[in-house]
Amino acid sequence: MRTAEALPAGAARAAALRRAGAACGCAALAYLAARSVLTALAGALLALRVPGASLANPAGTGLAAAILLQALVSALSLAAPFALLPLTGGVPASAARRLNAEQWAGLFLLFWLLMMAGNLLAGIFPGAGGGQMDLPPSGLALAAAWLAVCLVPAVGEELLFRGLLQGWLRPFGPVVAVAGSALLFALLHGRAPSVVAAAFGGTALGLAALCSGSLVPGMLFHLYNNTLAFVGQYCQQYGAPQAVSYILMFLPPLAALAFAPWRAFPSRKKGRLHGQGGEWLRLLRSPGYLAAVAVLAALSLYKTIGG
């Protein structure tokens, strides 16, 4: 049997891509498993204090404390897949680029346009926008809710999907790196409307990481998107003026247009995407990656049909 060193470059690269795809699939499923286990554990701890309590029904626990516990479960679940790092040899380094104001504006406008396109398509599905947590009216509980549904996902999901998964796939080209991580990111959002919106958002965030060589732009854009949804839900839930959410939705992109977005992106060599379609097909033939996609797609279909 030939060793990896004796294989032709093409075969060795294909094998390395299958291993990277399997690592991404394992990481996605590890996140899902960790979230289920930690949710059950948190519920069991709450039930010790009040029989019948759970994370979804934290009877006998203050609202702010219950929401902070949910945030902790989310953060630990997002951190769990990083336990795979010793088995994969780490993540290939990426050279960060210093972005000027025009480049920041262009990346944000690209993100905003893809985000809006995804939200519009998601709105076609019945029951779009459901499944959101009820927001507290004010105070510490409201701040805890913003932390749980805006800040923790923005930082943790960028570290996991654009940092770890996209990092593993980066050596195989931008199409594989961005699309491969975005597909798993989208499927982990559950119901079909959320999957569609997350597919567009994940692609935009992946492009932000690709163009900047940094996770910071994606974290900020992700936080903006989450906060926009948070404000919109709060206004709808408590009858606050919707003008607040509209200002937050349209003022930042209008401000970004004050710069020159057509010159916004770092220069990239022509032909960089040549042959990337074949690499993408090889990723989809990775048994580990394909198994994770199948499992997550089945769960998404179940949640969509079952409501």
C-alpha atoms as a PDB file:
ATOM      1  CA  MET A   1       0.000   0.000   0.000  1.00  0.00           C
ATOM      2  CA  ARG A   2       1.412   3.371  -1.023  1.00  0.00           C
ATOM      3  CA  THR A   3       1.972   6.046   1.569  1.00  0.00           C
ATOM      4  CA  ALA A   4       0.648   9.590   1.224  1.00  0.00           C
ATOM      5  CA  GLU A   5       4.157  10.749   0.307  1.00  0.00           C
ATOM      6  CA  ALA A   6       4.248   8.331  -2.645  1.00  0.00           C
ATOM      7  CA  LEU A   7       0.897   9.414  -4.059  1.00  0.00           C
ATOM      8  CA  PRO A   8       0.739  11.825  -7.000  1.00  0.00           C
ATOM      9  CA  ALA A   9       0.093  15.449  -6.043  1.00  0.00           C
ATOM     10  CA  GLY A  10      -3.501  15.325  -7.301  1.00  0.00           C
ATOM     11  CA  ALA A  11      -4.345  12.175  -5.346  1.00  0.00           C
ATOM     12  CA  ALA A  12      -2.666  13.467  -2.201  1.00  0.00           C
ATOM     13  CA  ARG A  13      -4.588  16.731  -2.485  1.00  0.00           C
ATOM     14  CA  ALA A  14      -7.882  14.876  -2.957  1.00  0.00           C
ATOM     15  CA  ALA A  15      -7.152  12.754   0.118  1.00  0.00           C
ATOM     16  CA  ALA A  16      -6.280  15.854   2.130  1.00  0.00           C
ATOM     17  CA  LEU A  17      -9.539  17.474   1.017  1.00  0.00           C
ATOM     18  CA  ARG A  18     -11.526  14.422   2.119  1.00  0.00           C
ATOM     19  CA  ARG A  19      -9.849  14.587   5.533  1.00  0.00           C
ATOM     20  CA  ALA A  20     -10.580  18.324   5.839  1.00  0.00           C
ATOM     21  CA  GLY A  21     -14.186  17.731   4.800  1.00  0.00           C
ATOM     22  CA  ALA A  22     -14.519  14.950   7.369  1.00  0.00           C
ATOM     23  CA  ALA A  23     -13.086  17.242  10.050  1.00  0.00           C
ATOM     24  CA  CYS A  24     -15.656  19.922   9.142  1.00  0.00           C
ATOM     25  CA  GLY A  25     -18.483  17.389   9.244  1.00  0.00           C
ATOM     26  CA  CYS A  26     -17.340  16.063  12.612  1.00  0.00           C
ATOM     27  CA  ALA A  27     -17.076  19.610  13.990  1.00  0.00           C
ATOM     28  CA  ALA A  28     -20.618  20.474  12.882  1.00  0.00           C
ATOM     29  CA  LEU A  29     -22.041  17.321  14.436  1.00  0.00           C
ATOM     30  CA  ALA A  30     -19.916  17.819  17.568  1.00  0.00           C
ATOM     31  CA  TYR A  31     -21.471  21.262  18.001  1.00  0.00           C
ATOM     32  CA  LEU A  32     -24.954  19.808  17.615  1.00  0.00           C
ATOM     33  CA  ALA A  33     -24.234  16.964  20.048  1.00  0.00           C
ATOM     34  CA  ALA A  34     -22.617  19.286  22.592  1.00  0.00           C
ATOM     35  CA  ARG A  35     -25.612  21.606  22.470  1.00  0.00           C
ATOM     36  CA  SER A  36     -28.019  18.726  23.081  1.00  0.00           C
ATOM     37  CA  VAL A  37     -25.971  17.304  25.948  1.00  0.00           C
ATOM     38  CA  LEU A  38     -25.359  20.677  27.610  1.00  0.00           C
ATOM     39  CA  THR A  39     -29.018  21.659  27.244  1.00  0.00           C
ATOM     40  CA  ALA A  40     -30.059  18.413  28.929  1.00  0.00           C
ATOM     41  CA  LEU A  41     -27.446  18.885  31.657  1.00  0.00           C
ATOM     42  CA  ALA A  42     -28.563  22.467  32.335  1.00  0.00           C
ATOM     43  CA  GLY A  43     -32.166  21.283  32.491  1.00  0.00           C
ATOM     44  CA  ALA A  44     -31.227  18.532  34.932  1.00  0.00           C
ATOM     45  CA  LEU A  45     -29.460  21.049  37.176  1.00  0.00           C
ATOM     46  CA  LEU A  46     -32.509  23.325  37.135  1.00  0.00           C
ATOM     47  CA  ALA A  47     -34.771  20.356  37.901  1.00  0.00           C
ATOM     48  CA  LEU A  48     -32.756  19.633  41.050  1.00  0.00           C
ATOM     49  CA  ARG A  49     -34.015  22.937  42.402  1.00  0.00           C
ATOM     50  CA  VAL A  50     -37.552  22.851  41.013  1.00  0.00           C
ATOM     51  CA  PRO A  51     -38.927  19.494  39.784  1.00  0.00           C
ATOM     52  CA  GLY A  52     -40.018  19.728  36.160  1.00  0.00           C
ATOM     53  CA  ALA A  53     -37.882  22.776  35.359  1.00  0.00           C
ATOM     54  CA  SER A  54     -35.775  22.818  32.205  1.00  0.00           C
ATOM     55  CA  LEU A  55     -33.790  25.270  30.138  1.00  0.00           C
ATOM     56  CA  ALA A  56     -36.913  25.944  28.073  1.00  0.00           C
ATOM     57  CA  ASN A  57     -38.996  26.344  31.247  1.00  0.00           C
ATOM     58  CA  PRO A  58     -36.617  27.587  33.974  1.00  0.00           C
ATOM     59  CA  ALA A  59     -39.134  27.658  36.793  1.00  0.00           C
ATOM     60  CA  GLY A  60     -37.771  28.968  40.075  1.00  0.00           C
ATOM     61  CA  THR A  61     -34.856  30.767  38.394  1.00  0.00           C
ATOM     62  CA  GLY A  62     -34.629  34.492  37.753  1.00  0.00           C
ATOM     63  CA  LEU A  63     -35.189  35.490  34.135  1.00  0.00           C
ATOM     64  CA  ALA A  64     -31.778  37.113  33.708  1.00  0.00           C
ATOM     65  CA  ALA A  65     -30.023  34.104  35.265  1.00  0.00           C
ATOM     66  CA  ALA A  66     -31.925  31.692  33.031  1.00  0.00           C
ATOM     67  CA  ILE A  67     -30.993  33.640  29.898  1.00  0.00           C
ATOM     68  CA  LEU A  68     -27.350  33.828  30.974  1.00  0.00           C
ATOM     69  CA  LEU A  69     -27.411  30.055  31.447  1.00  0.00           C
ATOM     70  CA  GLN A  70     -28.672  29.718  27.875  1.00  0.00           C
ATOM     71  CA  ALA A  71     -25.824  31.958  26.721  1.00  0.00           C
ATOM     72  CA  LEU A  72     -23.322  29.764  28.575  1.00  0.00           C
ATOM     73  CA  VAL A  73     -24.732  26.615  26.951  1.00  0.00           C
ATOM     74  CA  SER A  74     -24.443  28.267  23.537  1.00  0.00           C
ATOM     75  CA  ALA A  75     -20.863  29.420  24.145  1.00  0.00           C
ATOM     76  CA  LEU A  76     -19.690  26.028  25.413  1.00  0.00           C
ATOM     77  CA  SER A  77     -21.410  24.244  22.517  1.00  0.00           C
ATOM     78  CA  LEU A  78     -19.621  26.480  20.004  1.00  0.00           C
ATOM     79  CA  ALA A  79     -16.324  25.837  21.778  1.00  0.00           C
ATOM     80  CA  ALA A  80     -16.723  22.036  21.867  1.00  0.00           C
ATOM     81  CA  PRO A  81     -15.596  21.342  18.249  1.00  0.00           C
ATOM     82  CA  PHE A  82     -12.232  22.986  18.961  1.00  0.00           C
ATOM     83  CA  ALA A  83     -11.371  19.780  20.847  1.00  0.00           C
ATOM     84  CA  LEU A  84     -10.755  18.302  17.384  1.00  0.00           C
ATOM     85  CA  LEU A  85      -7.808  20.618  16.738  1.00  0.00           C
ATOM     86  CA  PRO A  86      -5.131  18.248  18.131  1.00  0.00           C
ATOM     87  CA  LEU A  87      -6.386  15.536  15.755  1.00  0.00           C
ATOM     88  CA  THR A  88      -6.211  17.751  12.651  1.00  0.00           C
ATOM     89  CA  GLY A  89      -2.857  19.417  13.165  1.00  0.00           C
ATOM     90  CA  GLY A  90      -4.319  22.893  13.623  1.00  0.00           C
ATOM     91  CA  VAL A  91      -5.625  25.469  11.140  1.00  0.00           C
ATOM     92  CA  PRO A  92      -3.495  26.826   8.274  1.00  0.00           C
ATOM     93  CA  ALA A  93      -2.434  30.407   8.920  1.00  0.00           C
ATOM     94  CA  SER A  94      -4.079  33.239   7.000  1.00  0.00           C
ATOM     95  CA  ALA A  95      -2.401  36.578   6.334  1.00  0.00           C
ATOM     96  CA  ALA A  96      -4.521  39.427   7.682  1.00  0.00           C
ATOM     97  CA  ARG A  97      -4.903  42.517   5.473  1.00  0.00           C
ATOM     98  CA  ARG A  98      -5.246  46.056   6.763  1.00  0.00           C
ATOM     99  CA  LEU A  99      -8.567  47.314   5.405  1.00  0.00           C
ATOM    100  CA  ASN A 100      -9.093  50.968   4.564  1.00  0.00           C
ATOM    101  CA  ALA A 101     -12.432  52.755   4.869  1.00  0.00           C
ATOM    102  CA  GLU A 102     -13.421  51.957   1.282  1.00  0.00           C
ATOM    103  CA  GLN A 103     -12.768  48.259   1.777  1.00  0.00           C
ATOM    104  CA  TRP A 104     -14.730  48.171   5.032  1.00  0.00           C
ATOM    105  CA  ALA A 105     -17.610  49.909   3.249  1.00  0.00           C
ATOM    106  CA  GLY A 106     -17.528  47.511   0.313  1.00  0.00           C
ATOM    107  CA  LEU A 107     -17.451  44.403   2.473  1.00  0.00           C
ATOM    108  CA  PHE A 108     -20.323  45.708   4.576  1.00  0.00           C
ATOM    109  CA  LEU A 109     -22.421  46.548   1.520  1.00  0.00           C
ATOM    110  CA  LEU A 110     -21.801  43.072   0.087  1.00  0.00           C
ATOM    111  CA  PHE A 111     -22.843  41.530   3.396  1.00  0.00           C
ATOM    112  CA  TRP A 112     -25.922  43.766   3.664  1.00  0.00           C
ATOM    113  CA  LEU A 113     -27.104  42.984   0.126  1.00  0.00           C
ATOM    114  CA  LEU A 114     -26.701  39.223   0.543  1.00  0.00           C
ATOM    115  CA  MET A 115     -28.308  39.364   3.986  1.00  0.00           C
ATOM    116  CA  MET A 116     -31.330  41.224   2.607  1.00  0.00           C
ATOM    117  CA  ALA A 117     -31.610  38.841  -0.347  1.00  0.00           C
ATOM    118  CA  GLY A 118     -31.555  35.869   2.007  1.00  0.00           C
ATOM    119  CA  ASN A 119     -34.181  37.387   4.284  1.00  0.00           C
ATOM    120  CA  LEU A 120     -36.467  38.145   1.331  1.00  0.00           C
ATOM    121  CA  LEU A 121     -36.226  34.585   0.042  1.00  0.00           C
ATOM    122  CA  ALA A 122     -36.712  33.186   3.545  1.00  0.00           C
ATOM    123  CA  GLY A 123     -39.918  35.210   3.850  1.00  0.00           C
ATOM    124  CA  ILE A 124     -41.488  33.109   1.092  1.00  0.00           C
ATOM    125  CA  PHE A 125     -41.680  30.080   3.388  1.00  0.00           C
ATOM    126  CA  PRO A 126     -44.733  29.664   5.643  1.00  0.00           C
ATOM    127  CA  GLY A 127     -44.045  30.470   9.270  1.00  0.00           C
ATOM    128  CA  ALA A 128     -40.899  32.437   8.539  1.00  0.00           C
ATOM    129  CA  GLY A 129     -39.676  34.332  11.580  1.00  0.00           C
ATOM    130  CA  GLY A 130     -41.104  31.880  14.096  1.00  0.00           C
ATOM    131  CA  GLY A 131     -39.219  30.161  16.868  1.00  0.00           C
ATOM    132  CA  GLN A 132     -37.669  33.318  18.337  1.00  0.00           C
ATOM    133  CA  MET A 133     -37.378  33.735  22.075  1.00  0.00           C
ATOM    134  CA  ASP A 134     -39.658  36.253  23.799  1.00  0.00           C
ATOM    135  CA  LEU A 135     -37.615  39.280  24.811  1.00  0.00           C
ATOM    136  CA  PRO A 136     -37.827  40.750  28.322  1.00  0.00           C
ATOM    137  CA  PRO A 137     -39.169  44.318  28.472  1.00  0.00           C
ATOM    138  CA  SER A 138     -36.119  45.977  30.041  1.00  0.00           C
ATOM    139  CA  GLY A 139     -33.350  45.834  32.584  1.00  0.00           C
ATOM    140  CA  LEU A 140     -30.703  43.197  33.205  1.00  0.00           C
ATOM    141  CA  ALA A 141     -32.814  40.462  31.612  1.00  0.00           C
ATOM    142  CA  LEU A 142     -32.987  42.413  28.332  1.00  0.00           C
ATOM    143  CA  ALA A 143     -29.216  42.958  28.379  1.00  0.00           C
ATOM    144  CA  ALA A 144     -28.723  39.231  29.046  1.00  0.00           C
ATOM    145  CA  ALA A 145     -30.998  38.425  26.106  1.00  0.00           C
ATOM    146  CA  TRP A 146     -28.907  40.644  23.801  1.00  0.00           C
ATOM    147  CA  LEU A 147     -25.777  38.866  25.020  1.00  0.00           C
ATOM    148  CA  ALA A 148     -27.334  35.436  24.412  1.00  0.00           C
ATOM    149  CA  VAL A 149     -28.888  35.989  20.986  1.00  0.00           C
ATOM    150  CA  CYS A 150     -26.614  38.666  19.512  1.00  0.00           C
ATOM    151  CA  LEU A 151     -23.099  38.784  20.945  1.00  0.00           C
ATOM    152  CA  VAL A 152     -22.367  35.129  21.775  1.00  0.00           C
ATOM    153  CA  PRO A 153     -23.478  33.794  18.353  1.00  0.00           C
ATOM    154  CA  ALA A 154     -21.698  36.607  16.504  1.00  0.00           C
ATOM    155  CA  VAL A 155     -18.353  35.855  18.147  1.00  0.00           C
ATOM    156  CA  GLY A 156     -18.699  32.099  18.658  1.00  0.00           C
ATOM    157  CA  GLU A 157     -20.116  31.220  15.237  1.00  0.00           C
ATOM    158  CA  GLU A 158     -17.455  33.250  13.449  1.00  0.00           C
ATOM    159  CA  LEU A 159     -14.724  31.519  15.423  1.00  0.00           C
ATOM    160  CA  LEU A 160     -16.220  28.116  14.625  1.00  0.00           C
ATOM    161  CA  PHE A 161     -17.414  28.419  11.040  1.00  0.00           C
ATOM    162  CA  ARG A 162     -15.170  31.072   9.478  1.00  0.00           C
ATOM    163  CA  GLY A 163     -12.213  30.433  11.771  1.00  0.00           C
ATOM    164  CA  LEU A 164     -12.107  26.660  12.233  1.00  0.00           C
ATOM    165  CA  LEU A 165     -14.134  25.135   9.371  1.00  0.00           C
ATOM    166  CA  GLN A 166     -13.259  27.668   6.701  1.00  0.00           C
ATOM    167  CA  GLY A 167      -9.673  27.569   7.930  1.00  0.00           C
ATOM    168  CA  TRP A 168      -9.478  23.803   7.386  1.00  0.00           C
ATOM    169  CA  LEU A 169     -10.836  24.221   3.847  1.00  0.00           C
ATOM    170  CA  ARG A 170      -8.818  27.337   2.943  1.00  0.00           C
ATOM    171  CA  PRO A 171      -5.873  25.454   1.339  1.00  0.00           C
ATOM    172  CA  PHE A 172      -8.263  24.045  -1.288  1.00  0.00           C
ATOM    173  CA  GLY A 173      -9.375  27.390  -2.672  1.00  0.00           C
ATOM    174  CA  PRO A 174     -11.885  30.151  -1.927  1.00  0.00           C
ATOM    175  CA  VAL A 175     -14.953  28.414  -3.408  1.00  0.00           C
ATOM    176  CA  VAL A 176     -14.454  25.285  -1.301  1.00  0.00           C
ATOM    177  CA  ALA A 177     -13.598  27.286   1.822  1.00  0.00           C
ATOM    178  CA  VAL A 178     -16.522  29.708   1.656  1.00  0.00           C
ATOM    179  CA  ALA A 179     -19.203  27.386   0.277  1.00  0.00           C
ATOM    180  CA  GLY A 180     -18.139  24.364   2.339  1.00  0.00           C
ATOM    181  CA  SER A 181     -18.380  26.207   5.652  1.00  0.00           C
ATOM    182  CA  ALA A 182     -21.502  28.176   4.621  1.00  0.00           C
ATOM    183  CA  LEU A 183     -23.458  25.008   3.796  1.00  0.00           C
ATOM    184  CA  LEU A 184     -22.903  23.491   7.238  1.00  0.00           C
ATOM    185  CA  PHE A 185     -23.533  26.869   8.887  1.00  0.00           C
ATOM    186  CA  ALA A 186     -26.868  27.164   7.069  1.00  0.00           C
ATOM    187  CA  LEU A 187     -28.077  23.621   7.789  1.00  0.00           C
ATOM    188  CA  LEU A 188     -27.359  24.017  11.494  1.00  0.00           C
ATOM    189  CA  HIS A 189     -29.968  26.813  11.632  1.00  0.00           C
ATOM    190  CA  GLY A 190     -32.793  24.266  11.589  1.00  0.00           C
ATOM    191  CA  ARG A 191     -36.001  25.244   9.813  1.00  0.00           C
ATOM    192  CA  ALA A 192     -36.015  25.960   6.073  1.00  0.00           C
ATOM    193  CA  PRO A 193     -36.526  29.771   6.289  1.00  0.00           C
ATOM    194  CA  SER A 194     -33.585  30.087   8.672  1.00  0.00           C
ATOM    195  CA  VAL A 195     -31.459  27.793   6.490  1.00  0.00           C
ATOM    196  CA  VAL A 196     -32.067  29.951   3.413  1.00  0.00           C
ATOM    197  CA  ALA A 197     -31.270  33.191   5.233  1.00  0.00           C
ATOM    198  CA  ALA A 198     -28.185  31.655   6.867  1.00  0.00           C
ATOM    199  CA  ALA A 199     -26.902  30.343   3.526  1.00  0.00           C
ATOM    200  CA  PHE A 200     -26.747  33.886   2.144  1.00  0.00           C
ATOM    201  CA  GLY A 201     -25.423  35.311   5.404  1.00  0.00           C
ATOM    202  CA  GLY A 202     -22.822  32.563   5.780  1.00  0.00           C
ATOM    203  CA  THR A 203     -21.588  33.158   2.233  1.00  0.00           C
ATOM    204  CA  ALA A 204     -21.245  36.886   2.865  1.00  0.00           C
ATOM    205  CA  LEU A 205     -19.426  36.314   6.156  1.00  0.00           C
ATOM    206  CA  GLY A 206     -17.136  33.802   4.496  1.00  0.00           C
ATOM    207  CA  LEU A 207     -16.275  36.336   1.797  1.00  0.00           C
ATOM    208  CA  ALA A 208     -15.556  38.936   4.468  1.00  0.00           C
ATOM    209  CA  ALA A 209     -13.099  36.550   6.137  1.00  0.00           C
ATOM    210  CA  LEU A 210     -11.580  35.657   2.766  1.00  0.00           C
ATOM    211  CA  CYS A 211     -11.072  39.257   1.629  1.00  0.00           C
ATOM    212  CA  SER A 212      -9.807  40.573   4.960  1.00  0.00           C
ATOM    213  CA  GLY A 213      -7.893  37.550   6.240  1.00  0.00           C
ATOM    214  CA  SER A 214      -9.485  38.299   9.610  1.00  0.00           C
ATOM    215  CA  LEU A 215     -12.564  37.280  11.604  1.00  0.00           C
ATOM    216  CA  VAL A 216     -13.141  40.802  12.947  1.00  0.00           C
ATOM    217  CA  PRO A 217     -15.216  42.151  10.010  1.00  0.00           C
ATOM    218  CA  GLY A 218     -17.430  39.062  10.060  1.00  0.00           C
ATOM    219  CA  MET A 219     -17.940  39.305  13.807  1.00  0.00           C
ATOM    220  CA  LEU A 220     -19.002  42.937  13.521  1.00  0.00           C
ATOM    221  CA  PHE A 221     -21.295  42.304  10.536  1.00  0.00           C
ATOM    222  CA  HIS A 222     -22.784  39.258  12.266  1.00  0.00           C
ATOM    223  CA  LEU A 223     -23.370  41.290  15.417  1.00  0.00           C
ATOM    224  CA  TYR A 224     -25.065  44.016  13.349  1.00  0.00           C
ATOM    225  CA  ASN A 225     -27.385  41.466  11.723  1.00  0.00           C
ATOM    226  CA  ASN A 226     -28.296  39.851  15.036  1.00  0.00           C
ATOM    227  CA  THR A 227     -28.869  43.217  16.704  1.00  0.00           C
ATOM    228  CA  LEU A 228     -31.041  44.338  13.794  1.00  0.00           C
ATOM    229  CA  ALA A 229     -33.260  41.273  14.233  1.00  0.00           C
ATOM    230  CA  PHE A 230     -33.225  41.802  18.004  1.00  0.00           C
ATOM    231  CA  VAL A 231     -34.384  45.423  17.717  1.00  0.00           C
ATOM    232  CA  GLY A 232     -37.023  44.536  15.131  1.00  0.00           C
ATOM    233  CA  GLN A 233     -38.475  41.824  17.345  1.00  0.00           C
ATOM    234  CA  TYR A 234     -38.443  44.108  20.384  1.00  0.00           C
ATOM    235  CA  CYS A 235     -40.298  46.840  18.495  1.00  0.00           C
ATOM    236  CA  GLN A 236     -42.884  44.340  17.250  1.00  0.00           C
ATOM    237  CA  GLN A 237     -43.287  42.639  20.623  1.00  0.00           C
ATOM    238  CA  TYR A 238     -43.736  45.798  22.686  1.00  0.00           C
ATOM    239  CA  GLY A 239     -45.265  48.154  20.139  1.00  0.00           C
ATOM    240  CA  ALA A 240     -42.212  50.398  19.932  1.00  0.00           C
ATOM    241  CA  PRO A 241     -41.907  52.557  16.787  1.00  0.00           C
ATOM    242  CA  GLN A 242     -40.713  50.413  13.896  1.00  0.00           C
ATOM    243  CA  ALA A 243     -38.831  53.468  12.626  1.00  0.00           C
ATOM    244  CA  VAL A 244     -36.041  52.509  15.034  1.00  0.00           C
ATOM    245  CA  SER A 245     -35.424  49.201  13.269  1.00  0.00           C
ATOM    246  CA  TYR A 246     -35.740  50.830   9.825  1.00  0.00           C
ATOM    247  CA  ILE A 247     -33.101  53.399  10.762  1.00  0.00           C
ATOM    248  CA  LEU A 248     -30.791  50.613  11.920  1.00  0.00           C
ATOM    249  CA  MET A 249     -31.530  48.685   8.732  1.00  0.00           C
ATOM    250  CA  PHE A 250     -30.895  51.429   6.176  1.00  0.00           C
ATOM    251  CA  LEU A 251     -28.684  54.091   7.769  1.00  0.00           C
ATOM    252  CA  PRO A 252     -25.452  52.019   7.938  1.00  0.00           C
ATOM    253  CA  PRO A 253     -25.545  50.944   4.238  1.00  0.00           C
ATOM    254  CA  LEU A 254     -26.387  54.511   3.191  1.00  0.00           C
ATOM    255  CA  ALA A 255     -23.422  55.729   5.229  1.00  0.00           C
ATOM    256  CA  ALA A 256     -21.235  53.070   3.568  1.00  0.00           C
ATOM    257  CA  LEU A 257     -22.261  54.411   0.159  1.00  0.00           C
ATOM    258  CA  ALA A 258     -20.498  57.665   1.042  1.00  0.00           C
ATOM    259  CA  PHE A 259     -17.258  55.814   0.291  1.00  0.00           C
ATOM    260  CA  ALA A 260     -16.206  54.205  -2.976  1.00  0.00           C
ATOM    261  CA  PRO A 261     -17.378  50.593  -2.775  1.00  0.00           C
ATOM    262  CA  TRP A 262     -16.421  49.844  -6.393  1.00  0.00           C
ATOM    263  CA  ARG A 263     -12.777  50.049  -5.290  1.00  0.00           C
ATOM    264  CA  ALA A 264     -13.389  48.319  -2.002  1.00  0.00           C
ATOM    265  CA  PHE A 265     -11.866  44.885  -2.296  1.00  0.00           C
ATOM    266  CA  PRO A 266      -8.227  43.882  -1.907  1.00  0.00           C
ATOM    267  CA  SER A 267      -6.684  43.059  -5.265  1.00  0.00           C
ATOM    268  CA  ARG A 268      -6.720  39.368  -6.117  1.00  0.00           C
ATOM    269  CA  LYS A 269      -4.922  37.583  -8.923  1.00  0.00           C
ATOM    270  CA  LYS A 270      -6.970  36.729 -11.980  1.00  0.00           C
ATOM    271  CA  GLY A 271      -7.766  33.077 -12.490  1.00  0.00           C
ATOM    272  CA  ARG A 272      -7.884  32.382  -8.759  1.00  0.00           C
ATOM    273  CA  LEU A 273     -11.228  30.587  -9.135  1.00  0.00           C
ATOM    274  CA  HIS A 274     -10.116  28.482 -12.096  1.00  0.00           C
ATOM    275  CA  GLY A 275     -10.770  24.794 -11.429  1.00  0.00           C
ATOM    276  CA  GLN A 276     -12.557  25.407  -8.140  1.00  0.00           C
ATOM    277  CA  GLY A 277     -15.717  23.661  -9.312  1.00  0.00           C
ATOM    278  CA  GLY A 278     -13.856  20.354  -9.345  1.00  0.00           C
ATOM    279  CA  GLU A 279     -12.566  20.890  -5.820  1.00  0.00           C
ATOM    280  CA  TRP A 280     -16.100  21.632  -4.621  1.00  0.00           C
ATOM    281  CA  LEU A 281     -17.345  18.368  -6.136  1.00  0.00           C
ATOM    282  CA  ARG A 282     -14.509  16.510  -4.406  1.00  0.00           C
ATOM    283  CA  LEU A 283     -15.580  18.021  -1.080  1.00  0.00           C
ATOM    284  CA  LEU A 284     -19.146  16.833  -1.656  1.00  0.00           C
ATOM    285  CA  ARG A 285     -17.758  13.341  -2.233  1.00  0.00           C
ATOM    286  CA  SER A 286     -15.973  13.366   1.128  1.00  0.00           C
ATOM    287  CA  PRO A 287     -17.832  10.684   3.141  1.00  0.00           C
ATOM    288  CA  GLY A 288     -17.448  12.541   6.443  1.00  0.00           C
ATOM    289  CA  TYR A 289     -18.640  15.853   5.033  1.00  0.00           C
ATOM    290  CA  LEU A 290     -21.475  14.263   3.061  1.00  0.00           C
ATOM    291  CA  ALA A 291     -22.671  12.296   6.107  1.00  0.00           C
ATOM    292  CA  ALA A 292     -22.841  15.495   8.182  1.00  0.00           C
ATOM    293  CA  VAL A 293     -24.746  17.300   5.417  1.00  0.00           C
ATOM    294  CA  ALA A 294     -27.219  14.411   5.181  1.00  0.00           C
ATOM    295  CA  VAL A 295     -27.804  14.322   8.942  1.00  0.00           C
ATOM    296  CA  LEU A 296     -28.246  18.076   9.210  1.00  0.00           C
ATOM    297  CA  ALA A 297     -30.498  18.226   6.136  1.00  0.00           C
ATOM    298  CA  ALA A 298     -32.706  15.474   7.590  1.00  0.00           C
ATOM    299  CA  LEU A 299     -32.958  17.339  10.914  1.00  0.00           C
ATOM    300  CA  SER A 300     -33.775  20.569   9.084  1.00  0.00           C
ATOM    301  CA  LEU A 301     -36.517  18.843   7.084  1.00  0.00           C
ATOM    302  CA  TYR A 302     -37.931  17.315  10.252  1.00  0.00           C
ATOM    303  CA  LYS A 303     -38.008  20.686  12.029  1.00  0.00           C
ATOM    304  CA  THR A 304     -39.555  22.375   8.973  1.00  0.00           C
ATOM    305  CA  ILE A 305     -42.328  19.826   8.520  1.00  0.00           C
ATOM    306  CA  GLY A 306     -42.898  19.301  12.229  1.00  0.00           C
ATOM    307  CA  GLY A 307     -43.060  23.042  12.892  1.00  0.00           C
END
